[in-house]
Amino acid sequence: MMTDLVCAAAVPGFPPCPADVVAVRTTACVHEHFQDEPACAGHLVVLESGRMLCSACRNLGHICELRAVAEADPETGERHVLRR
C-alpha cells in the first residue's frame, strides 16, 4: 500500500477515488505527456488496459486516452510496455 499517493482514476466533478494505491504505472498519451499514474486495486486493471484517461490532459481541461502503459521491473528498474 502506498499511502502518500492518490488513485489516478479521477472523474472531473467527482471526489478522487478513496481506495489505497497498490501500484504505479508509467503512462504516455498522444500529447507526449509521460507520467507515473498511481492506481488502487480496483482501478489497476482499467489503467493497465489503457482505458483510463491521461491525468495531465485532464488537468489541462481536455480528454485524452492513454497510448501506452508500462510497468517497472522491481529488480532492474527497466520499464516494459504492457500489451493491450
C-alpha atoms as a PDB file:
ATOM      1  CA  MET A   1       0.000   0.000   0.000  1.00  0.00           C
ATOM      2  CA  MET A   2       1.298   3.460  -0.941  1.00  0.00           C
ATOM      3  CA  THR A   3      -0.437   5.790   1.498  1.00  0.00           C
ATOM      4  CA  ASP A   4       1.006   9.072   0.212  1.00  0.00           C
ATOM      5  CA  LEU A   5      -0.448   8.610  -3.301  1.00  0.00           C
ATOM      6  CA  VAL A   6      -3.988   9.130  -4.612  1.00  0.00           C
ATOM      7  CA  CYS A   7      -5.536   6.846  -7.227  1.00  0.00           C
ATOM      8  CA  ALA A   8      -5.403   8.497 -10.673  1.00  0.00           C
ATOM      9  CA  ALA A   9      -8.899   7.248 -11.533  1.00  0.00           C
ATOM     10  CA  ALA A  10     -10.458  10.664 -11.124  1.00  0.00           C
ATOM     11  CA  VAL A  11     -13.557  11.909 -12.906  1.00  0.00           C
ATOM     12  CA  PRO A  12     -13.949  15.690 -13.238  1.00  0.00           C
ATOM     13  CA  GLY A  13     -16.607  16.964 -10.840  1.00  0.00           C
ATOM     14  CA  PHE A  14     -16.345  13.950  -8.529  1.00  0.00           C
ATOM     15  CA  PRO A  15     -14.115  13.396  -5.489  1.00  0.00           C
ATOM     16  CA  PRO A  16     -10.962  11.331  -6.030  1.00  0.00           C
ATOM     17  CA  CYS A  17     -11.046   7.566  -5.579  1.00  0.00           C
ATOM     18  CA  PRO A  18     -10.655   6.939  -1.819  1.00  0.00           C
ATOM     19  CA  ALA A  19      -9.111   3.467  -2.147  1.00  0.00           C
ATOM     20  CA  ASP A  20      -5.486   2.776  -1.212  1.00  0.00           C
ATOM     21  CA  VAL A  21      -2.945   2.847  -4.051  1.00  0.00           C
ATOM     22  CA  VAL A  22      -1.325  -0.548  -4.666  1.00  0.00           C
ATOM     23  CA  ALA A  23       0.736   0.103  -7.833  1.00  0.00           C
ATOM     24  CA  VAL A  24       2.118   2.813 -10.081  1.00  0.00           C
ATOM     25  CA  ARG A  25       2.359   2.535 -13.869  1.00  0.00           C
ATOM     26  CA  THR A  26       4.111   4.903 -16.270  1.00  0.00           C
ATOM     27  CA  THR A  27       1.773   6.226 -18.965  1.00  0.00           C
ATOM     28  CA  ALA A  28       2.043   8.166 -22.210  1.00  0.00           C
ATOM     29  CA  CYS A  29      -0.505   9.965 -24.365  1.00  0.00           C
ATOM     30  CA  VAL A  30      -0.514  11.430 -27.873  1.00  0.00           C
ATOM     31  CA  HIS A  31       0.322  14.880 -26.433  1.00  0.00           C
ATOM     32  CA  GLU A  32       3.665  13.487 -25.174  1.00  0.00           C
ATOM     33  CA  HIS A  33       2.721  13.511 -21.503  1.00  0.00           C
ATOM     34  CA  PHE A  34       4.768  10.865 -19.687  1.00  0.00           C
ATOM     35  CA  GLN A  35       3.940  10.415 -16.019  1.00  0.00           C
ATOM     36  CA  ASP A  36       3.554   7.892 -13.250  1.00  0.00           C
ATOM     37  CA  GLU A  37      -0.115   7.121 -12.586  1.00  0.00           C
ATOM     38  CA  PRO A  38      -0.960   5.548  -9.210  1.00  0.00           C
ATOM     39  CA  ALA A  39      -3.862   3.096  -9.052  1.00  0.00           C
ATOM     40  CA  CYS A  40      -5.852   1.252  -6.418  1.00  0.00           C
ATOM     41  CA  ALA A  41      -6.507  -2.480  -6.773  1.00  0.00           C
ATOM     42  CA  GLY A  42      -9.917  -1.856  -8.326  1.00  0.00           C
ATOM     43  CA  HIS A  43      -8.622   0.572 -10.970  1.00  0.00           C
ATOM     44  CA  LEU A  44      -5.313  -1.166 -11.773  1.00  0.00           C
ATOM     45  CA  VAL A  45      -6.925  -3.346 -14.467  1.00  0.00           C
ATOM     46  CA  VAL A  46      -8.527  -0.246 -16.010  1.00  0.00           C
ATOM     47  CA  LEU A  47      -5.178   1.571 -16.021  1.00  0.00           C
ATOM     48  CA  GLU A  48      -3.201  -1.377 -17.392  1.00  0.00           C
ATOM     49  CA  SER A  49      -5.690  -1.863 -20.229  1.00  0.00           C
ATOM     50  CA  GLY A  50      -5.255   1.792 -21.237  1.00  0.00           C
ATOM     51  CA  ARG A  51      -8.902   2.656 -20.590  1.00  0.00           C
ATOM     52  CA  MET A  52      -8.023   5.379 -18.093  1.00  0.00           C
ATOM     53  CA  LEU A  53      -7.594   8.955 -19.340  1.00  0.00           C
ATOM     54  CA  CYS A  54      -4.334  10.906 -19.209  1.00  0.00           C
ATOM     55  CA  SER A  55      -4.312  12.826 -15.916  1.00  0.00           C
ATOM     56  CA  ALA A  56      -2.053  15.582 -17.319  1.00  0.00           C
ATOM     57  CA  CYS A  57      -4.528  16.248 -20.154  1.00  0.00           C
ATOM     58  CA  ARG A  58      -7.450  16.075 -17.722  1.00  0.00           C
ATOM     59  CA  ASN A  59      -5.759  18.730 -15.561  1.00  0.00           C
ATOM     60  CA  LEU A  60      -5.378  20.917 -18.663  1.00  0.00           C
ATOM     61  CA  GLY A  61      -9.115  20.631 -19.353  1.00  0.00           C
ATOM     62  CA  HIS A  62      -9.268  18.180 -22.250  1.00  0.00           C
ATOM     63  CA  ILE A  63      -9.872  14.462 -22.621  1.00  0.00           C
ATOM     64  CA  CYS A  64      -7.122  12.239 -23.973  1.00  0.00           C
ATOM     65  CA  GLU A  65      -6.804   8.461 -23.988  1.00  0.00           C
ATOM     66  CA  LEU A  66      -3.579   6.760 -22.975  1.00  0.00           C
ATOM     67  CA  ARG A  67      -1.462   5.395 -25.824  1.00  0.00           C
ATOM     68  CA  ALA A  68       0.949   3.324 -23.719  1.00  0.00           C
ATOM     69  CA  VAL A  69       1.162   1.950 -20.194  1.00  0.00           C
ATOM     70  CA  ALA A  70       4.357   0.468 -18.764  1.00  0.00           C
ATOM     71  CA  GLU A  71       5.411  -1.174 -15.536  1.00  0.00           C
ATOM     72  CA  ALA A  72       8.857  -1.068 -13.992  1.00  0.00           C
ATOM     73  CA  ASP A  73      10.822  -4.217 -13.265  1.00  0.00           C
ATOM     74  CA  PRO A  74      11.431  -4.062  -9.482  1.00  0.00           C
ATOM     75  CA  GLU A  75      14.933  -5.545  -9.813  1.00  0.00           C
ATOM     76  CA  THR A  76      16.327  -3.560 -12.752  1.00  0.00           C
ATOM     77  CA  GLY A  77      14.055  -0.504 -12.891  1.00  0.00           C
ATOM     78  CA  GLU A  78      13.542  -1.068 -16.639  1.00  0.00           C
ATOM     79  CA  ARG A  79      10.088  -0.176 -17.919  1.00  0.00           C
ATOM     80  CA  HIS A  80       8.177  -2.668 -20.045  1.00  0.00           C
ATOM     81  CA  VAL A  81       5.166  -1.591 -22.103  1.00  0.00           C
ATOM     82  CA  LEU A  82       2.094  -3.668 -21.290  1.00  0.00           C
ATOM     83  CA  ARG A  83       0.226  -5.232 -24.208  1.00  0.00           C
ATOM     84  CA  ARG A  84      -3.435  -4.359 -24.527  1.00  0.00           C
END
